[in-house]
N, C-alpha and C. Protein backbone atom coordinates (compact mmCIF):
# COMPACT_ATOMS: atom_id res chain seq x y z
N UNK A 1 115.91 84.04 235.83
CA UNK A 1 116.57 85.21 235.28
C UNK A 1 115.53 86.12 234.65
N UNK A 2 115.71 87.38 234.84
CA UNK A 2 114.80 88.38 234.30
C UNK A 2 115.58 89.23 233.29
N UNK A 3 115.05 89.33 232.08
CA UNK A 3 115.69 90.15 231.05
C UNK A 3 115.29 91.61 231.23
N UNK A 4 116.27 92.48 231.21
CA UNK A 4 116.05 93.92 231.28
C UNK A 4 116.12 94.47 229.87
N UNK A 5 115.06 95.17 229.47
CA UNK A 5 114.99 95.74 228.12
C UNK A 5 114.92 97.25 228.19
N UNK A 6 115.64 97.87 227.28
CA UNK A 6 115.56 99.32 227.05
C UNK A 6 115.63 99.51 225.55
N UNK A 7 115.58 100.72 225.08
CA UNK A 7 115.52 100.99 223.65
C UNK A 7 116.62 100.36 222.83
N UNK A 8 117.87 100.56 223.22
CA UNK A 8 118.99 100.08 222.41
C UNK A 8 119.04 98.57 222.36
N UNK A 9 119.00 97.89 223.51
CA UNK A 9 119.20 96.44 223.46
C UNK A 9 118.00 95.73 222.84
N UNK A 10 116.80 96.26 222.99
CA UNK A 10 115.63 95.64 222.35
C UNK A 10 115.80 95.68 220.82
N UNK A 11 116.19 96.82 220.29
CA UNK A 11 116.37 96.96 218.83
C UNK A 11 117.54 96.11 218.35
N UNK A 12 118.63 96.12 219.08
CA UNK A 12 119.82 95.39 218.67
C UNK A 12 119.62 93.88 218.76
N UNK A 13 119.02 93.41 219.84
CA UNK A 13 118.87 91.97 220.04
C UNK A 13 117.85 91.35 219.09
N UNK A 14 116.90 92.12 218.62
CA UNK A 14 115.85 91.56 217.76
C UNK A 14 116.09 91.82 216.27
N UNK A 15 117.20 92.42 215.93
CA UNK A 15 117.43 92.80 214.53
C UNK A 15 117.63 91.62 213.58
N UNK A 16 117.88 90.43 214.13
CA UNK A 16 118.04 89.24 213.29
C UNK A 16 116.77 88.39 213.25
N UNK A 17 115.66 88.98 213.65
CA UNK A 17 114.38 88.29 213.54
C UNK A 17 114.00 87.42 214.72
N UNK A 18 114.73 87.51 215.81
CA UNK A 18 114.38 86.78 217.02
C UNK A 18 113.54 87.71 217.88
N UNK A 19 112.43 87.21 218.39
CA UNK A 19 111.54 88.06 219.18
C UNK A 19 112.00 88.13 220.64
N UNK A 20 111.52 89.14 221.34
CA UNK A 20 111.81 89.29 222.76
C UNK A 20 111.31 88.05 223.50
N UNK A 21 110.14 87.58 223.16
CA UNK A 21 109.57 86.39 223.81
C UNK A 21 110.47 85.17 223.62
N UNK A 22 110.99 84.98 222.40
CA UNK A 22 111.89 83.85 222.14
C UNK A 22 113.18 83.97 222.94
N UNK A 23 113.73 85.17 222.98
CA UNK A 23 114.96 85.42 223.73
C UNK A 23 114.74 85.10 225.21
N UNK A 24 113.68 85.62 225.77
CA UNK A 24 113.41 85.40 227.19
C UNK A 24 113.20 83.92 227.49
N UNK A 25 112.55 83.21 226.59
CA UNK A 25 112.31 81.78 226.80
C UNK A 25 113.64 81.02 226.86
N UNK A 26 114.52 81.29 225.90
CA UNK A 26 115.81 80.60 225.86
C UNK A 26 116.63 80.92 227.10
N UNK A 27 116.65 82.17 227.52
CA UNK A 27 117.42 82.56 228.70
C UNK A 27 116.85 81.89 229.96
N UNK A 28 115.55 81.87 230.10
CA UNK A 28 114.93 81.30 231.30
C UNK A 28 115.00 79.78 231.34
N UNK A 29 115.15 79.15 230.20
CA UNK A 29 115.17 77.68 230.14
C UNK A 29 116.54 77.14 229.74
N UNK A 30 117.58 77.85 230.11
CA UNK A 30 118.92 77.39 229.74
C UNK A 30 119.24 76.06 230.40
N UNK A 31 120.02 75.27 229.68
CA UNK A 31 120.40 73.94 230.13
C UNK A 31 121.93 73.86 230.09
N UNK A 32 122.51 73.17 231.08
CA UNK A 32 123.97 73.01 231.11
C UNK A 32 124.45 72.52 229.75
N UNK A 33 125.53 73.02 229.24
CA UNK A 33 126.60 73.75 229.89
C UNK A 33 126.46 75.27 229.84
N UNK A 34 125.27 75.76 229.68
CA UNK A 34 125.05 77.21 229.59
C UNK A 34 124.53 77.75 230.90
N UNK A 35 124.80 79.02 231.21
CA UNK A 35 125.47 80.02 230.37
C UNK A 35 126.98 79.81 230.35
N UNK A 36 127.56 80.08 229.21
CA UNK A 36 128.99 79.91 228.99
C UNK A 36 129.66 81.28 228.98
N UNK A 37 130.62 81.52 229.89
CA UNK A 37 131.32 82.82 229.87
C UNK A 37 132.15 82.97 228.60
N UNK A 38 132.05 84.14 227.97
CA UNK A 38 132.81 84.36 226.73
C UNK A 38 133.76 85.55 226.85
N UNK A 39 133.92 86.08 228.05
CA UNK A 39 134.85 87.19 228.27
C UNK A 39 134.15 88.53 228.33
N UNK A 40 134.80 89.47 228.96
CA UNK A 40 134.26 90.83 229.05
C UNK A 40 132.97 90.92 229.84
N UNK A 41 132.72 89.95 230.73
CA UNK A 41 131.49 89.96 231.50
C UNK A 41 130.27 89.50 230.72
N UNK A 42 130.49 88.90 229.54
CA UNK A 42 129.39 88.44 228.69
C UNK A 42 129.26 86.92 228.77
N UNK A 43 128.03 86.47 228.53
CA UNK A 43 127.71 85.05 228.56
C UNK A 43 126.93 84.65 227.33
N UNK A 44 127.16 83.41 226.90
CA UNK A 44 126.50 82.85 225.72
C UNK A 44 125.54 81.76 226.17
N UNK A 45 124.36 81.76 225.58
CA UNK A 45 123.37 80.71 225.80
C UNK A 45 122.89 80.26 224.43
N UNK A 46 122.83 78.95 224.25
CA UNK A 46 122.22 78.38 223.05
C UNK A 46 121.12 77.44 223.51
N UNK A 47 119.99 77.52 222.85
CA UNK A 47 118.87 76.67 223.23
C UNK A 47 117.75 76.78 222.23
N UNK A 48 116.64 76.13 222.58
CA UNK A 48 115.47 76.13 221.71
C UNK A 48 114.36 76.98 222.31
N UNK A 49 113.63 77.61 221.42
CA UNK A 49 112.45 78.37 221.83
C UNK A 49 111.32 77.37 222.10
N UNK A 50 110.19 77.86 222.58
CA UNK A 50 109.05 76.98 222.84
C UNK A 50 108.54 76.34 221.54
N UNK A 51 108.82 76.97 220.40
CA UNK A 51 108.42 76.43 219.10
C UNK A 51 109.49 75.52 218.49
N UNK A 52 110.64 75.36 219.18
CA UNK A 52 111.69 74.47 218.69
C UNK A 52 112.77 75.14 217.87
N UNK A 53 112.71 76.43 217.71
CA UNK A 53 113.72 77.17 216.95
C UNK A 53 115.01 77.26 217.78
N UNK A 54 116.14 76.99 217.15
CA UNK A 54 117.43 77.08 217.84
C UNK A 54 117.96 78.50 217.79
N UNK A 55 118.31 79.04 218.96
CA UNK A 55 118.69 80.44 219.08
C UNK A 55 119.93 80.56 219.96
N UNK A 56 120.75 81.56 219.63
CA UNK A 56 121.90 81.94 220.45
C UNK A 56 121.63 83.31 221.03
N UNK A 57 121.90 83.48 222.31
CA UNK A 57 121.71 84.75 222.99
C UNK A 57 123.00 85.09 223.73
N UNK A 58 123.40 86.35 223.65
CA UNK A 58 124.54 86.85 224.42
C UNK A 58 124.01 87.90 225.37
N UNK A 59 124.40 87.79 226.65
CA UNK A 59 123.93 88.73 227.65
C UNK A 59 125.01 89.01 228.67
N UNK A 60 124.75 90.02 229.50
CA UNK A 60 125.60 90.34 230.64
C UNK A 60 124.68 90.48 231.85
N UNK A 61 125.17 90.07 233.00
CA UNK A 61 124.40 90.28 234.22
C UNK A 61 124.40 91.77 234.54
N UNK A 62 123.30 92.26 235.10
CA UNK A 62 123.19 93.67 235.44
C UNK A 62 122.49 93.82 236.79
N UNK A 63 122.40 95.03 237.26
CA UNK A 63 121.73 95.31 238.54
C UNK A 63 120.69 96.40 238.33
N UNK A 64 119.82 96.55 239.29
CA UNK A 64 118.78 97.57 239.17
C UNK A 64 119.37 98.98 239.18
N UNK A 65 120.57 99.14 239.74
CA UNK A 65 121.20 100.47 239.75
C UNK A 65 121.54 100.96 238.35
N UNK A 66 121.70 100.04 237.41
CA UNK A 66 122.09 100.42 236.05
C UNK A 66 120.90 100.53 235.10
N UNK A 67 119.71 100.26 235.58
CA UNK A 67 118.52 100.24 234.72
C UNK A 67 117.95 101.64 234.51
N UNK A 68 117.42 101.84 233.31
CA UNK A 68 116.78 103.10 232.95
C UNK A 68 115.26 102.91 233.07
N UNK A 69 114.74 103.15 234.25
CA UNK A 69 113.33 102.89 234.51
C UNK A 69 112.40 103.74 233.65
N UNK A 70 112.86 104.93 233.28
CA UNK A 70 112.02 105.81 232.46
C UNK A 70 111.78 105.26 231.06
N UNK A 71 112.58 104.31 230.61
CA UNK A 71 112.40 103.70 229.29
C UNK A 71 111.57 102.42 229.34
N UNK A 72 111.13 102.03 230.52
CA UNK A 72 110.42 100.77 230.68
C UNK A 72 108.91 100.99 230.69
N UNK A 73 108.20 99.99 230.21
CA UNK A 73 106.74 100.04 230.25
C UNK A 73 106.26 99.72 231.66
N UNK A 74 105.01 100.00 231.90
CA UNK A 74 104.42 99.71 233.21
C UNK A 74 104.51 98.21 233.52
N UNK A 75 104.22 97.37 232.54
CA UNK A 75 104.30 95.92 232.73
C UNK A 75 105.71 95.46 233.07
N UNK A 76 106.70 96.06 232.40
CA UNK A 76 108.10 95.71 232.69
C UNK A 76 108.48 96.12 234.11
N UNK A 77 108.02 97.28 234.53
CA UNK A 77 108.29 97.74 235.89
C UNK A 77 107.67 96.80 236.92
N UNK A 78 106.45 96.38 236.67
CA UNK A 78 105.79 95.44 237.58
C UNK A 78 106.54 94.10 237.65
N UNK A 79 106.97 93.62 236.52
CA UNK A 79 107.71 92.36 236.47
C UNK A 79 109.00 92.46 237.28
N UNK A 80 109.70 93.56 237.13
CA UNK A 80 110.93 93.76 237.90
C UNK A 80 110.65 93.85 239.41
N UNK A 81 109.57 94.54 239.75
CA UNK A 81 109.24 94.71 241.16
C UNK A 81 108.93 93.37 241.82
N UNK A 82 108.30 92.46 241.09
CA UNK A 82 107.92 91.15 241.63
C UNK A 82 109.07 90.16 241.70
N UNK A 83 110.14 90.44 241.01
CA UNK A 83 111.23 89.47 240.92
C UNK A 83 112.39 89.85 241.84
N UNK A 84 113.24 88.87 242.04
CA UNK A 84 114.43 89.09 242.85
C UNK A 84 115.70 88.93 242.03
N UNK A 85 115.55 88.73 240.73
CA UNK A 85 116.72 88.56 239.86
C UNK A 85 117.13 87.12 239.76
N UNK A 86 118.26 86.83 239.21
CA UNK A 86 119.21 87.79 238.68
C UNK A 86 118.68 88.46 237.41
N UNK A 87 119.23 89.63 237.12
CA UNK A 87 118.82 90.41 235.96
C UNK A 87 119.89 90.31 234.88
N UNK A 88 119.43 90.17 233.65
CA UNK A 88 120.37 90.09 232.53
C UNK A 88 120.03 91.14 231.49
N UNK A 89 121.07 91.69 230.89
CA UNK A 89 120.95 92.68 229.82
C UNK A 89 121.32 91.97 228.53
N UNK A 90 120.33 91.72 227.70
CA UNK A 90 120.54 90.99 226.45
C UNK A 90 121.23 91.91 225.45
N UNK A 91 122.29 91.41 224.84
CA UNK A 91 123.07 92.20 223.89
C UNK A 91 122.80 91.79 222.46
N UNK A 92 122.65 90.49 222.23
CA UNK A 92 122.57 89.99 220.86
C UNK A 92 121.80 88.68 220.84
N UNK A 93 121.09 88.43 219.75
CA UNK A 93 120.42 87.15 219.55
C UNK A 93 120.31 86.87 218.06
N UNK A 94 120.44 85.59 217.72
CA UNK A 94 120.29 85.19 216.32
C UNK A 94 119.96 83.71 216.27
N UNK A 95 119.44 83.28 215.12
CA UNK A 95 119.17 81.85 214.91
C UNK A 95 120.49 81.12 214.66
N UNK A 96 120.54 79.86 215.06
CA UNK A 96 121.73 79.06 214.81
C UNK A 96 121.71 78.50 213.40
N UNK A 97 122.90 78.34 212.82
CA UNK A 97 122.98 77.66 211.53
C UNK A 97 122.99 76.15 211.78
N UNK A 98 122.96 75.35 210.72
CA UNK A 98 122.84 73.90 210.87
C UNK A 98 124.01 73.29 211.65
N UNK A 99 125.21 73.74 211.40
CA UNK A 99 126.38 73.21 212.11
C UNK A 99 126.28 73.53 213.61
N UNK A 100 125.87 74.75 213.93
CA UNK A 100 125.73 75.14 215.33
C UNK A 100 124.62 74.35 216.03
N UNK A 101 123.55 74.04 215.31
CA UNK A 101 122.48 73.22 215.88
C UNK A 101 123.02 71.84 216.24
N UNK A 102 123.79 71.22 215.34
CA UNK A 102 124.38 69.90 215.62
C UNK A 102 125.29 69.97 216.84
N UNK A 103 126.14 70.99 216.89
CA UNK A 103 127.05 71.15 218.04
C UNK A 103 126.27 71.31 219.34
N UNK A 104 125.21 72.08 219.31
CA UNK A 104 124.40 72.32 220.50
C UNK A 104 123.74 71.03 220.98
N UNK A 105 123.18 70.26 220.05
CA UNK A 105 122.56 68.99 220.42
C UNK A 105 123.60 68.03 221.01
N UNK A 106 124.81 68.02 220.43
CA UNK A 106 125.89 67.17 220.91
C UNK A 106 126.33 67.54 222.32
N UNK A 107 126.44 68.82 222.59
CA UNK A 107 126.90 69.30 223.90
C UNK A 107 125.91 68.97 225.01
N UNK A 108 124.65 68.83 224.68
CA UNK A 108 123.62 68.54 225.69
C UNK A 108 123.63 67.09 226.14
N UNK A 109 124.23 66.21 225.38
CA UNK A 109 124.21 64.77 225.71
C UNK A 109 125.13 64.45 226.84
């Protein structure tokens, strides 16, 4: 999965202190039972970053027709060109609380 970033979703998804790198790691390394559909074309993923931090990410699948290429960096454009998708538009990300961490560990067993 390739995360598509533009001005709004980058600012919104990282406002709780989760970095783009952490978000992308969790999305790319999702483990069953994720992604979990939550309605409205949105999906929930819970997982750990490479550093072990537990994170929740909400995203929607998107297509290249909906992307704003003029808002993307050269590196982002190259990454998109090399990939075949699927593409996801990250909407929200935050750290899990202790109860959510326990639930996530339990669901993975």
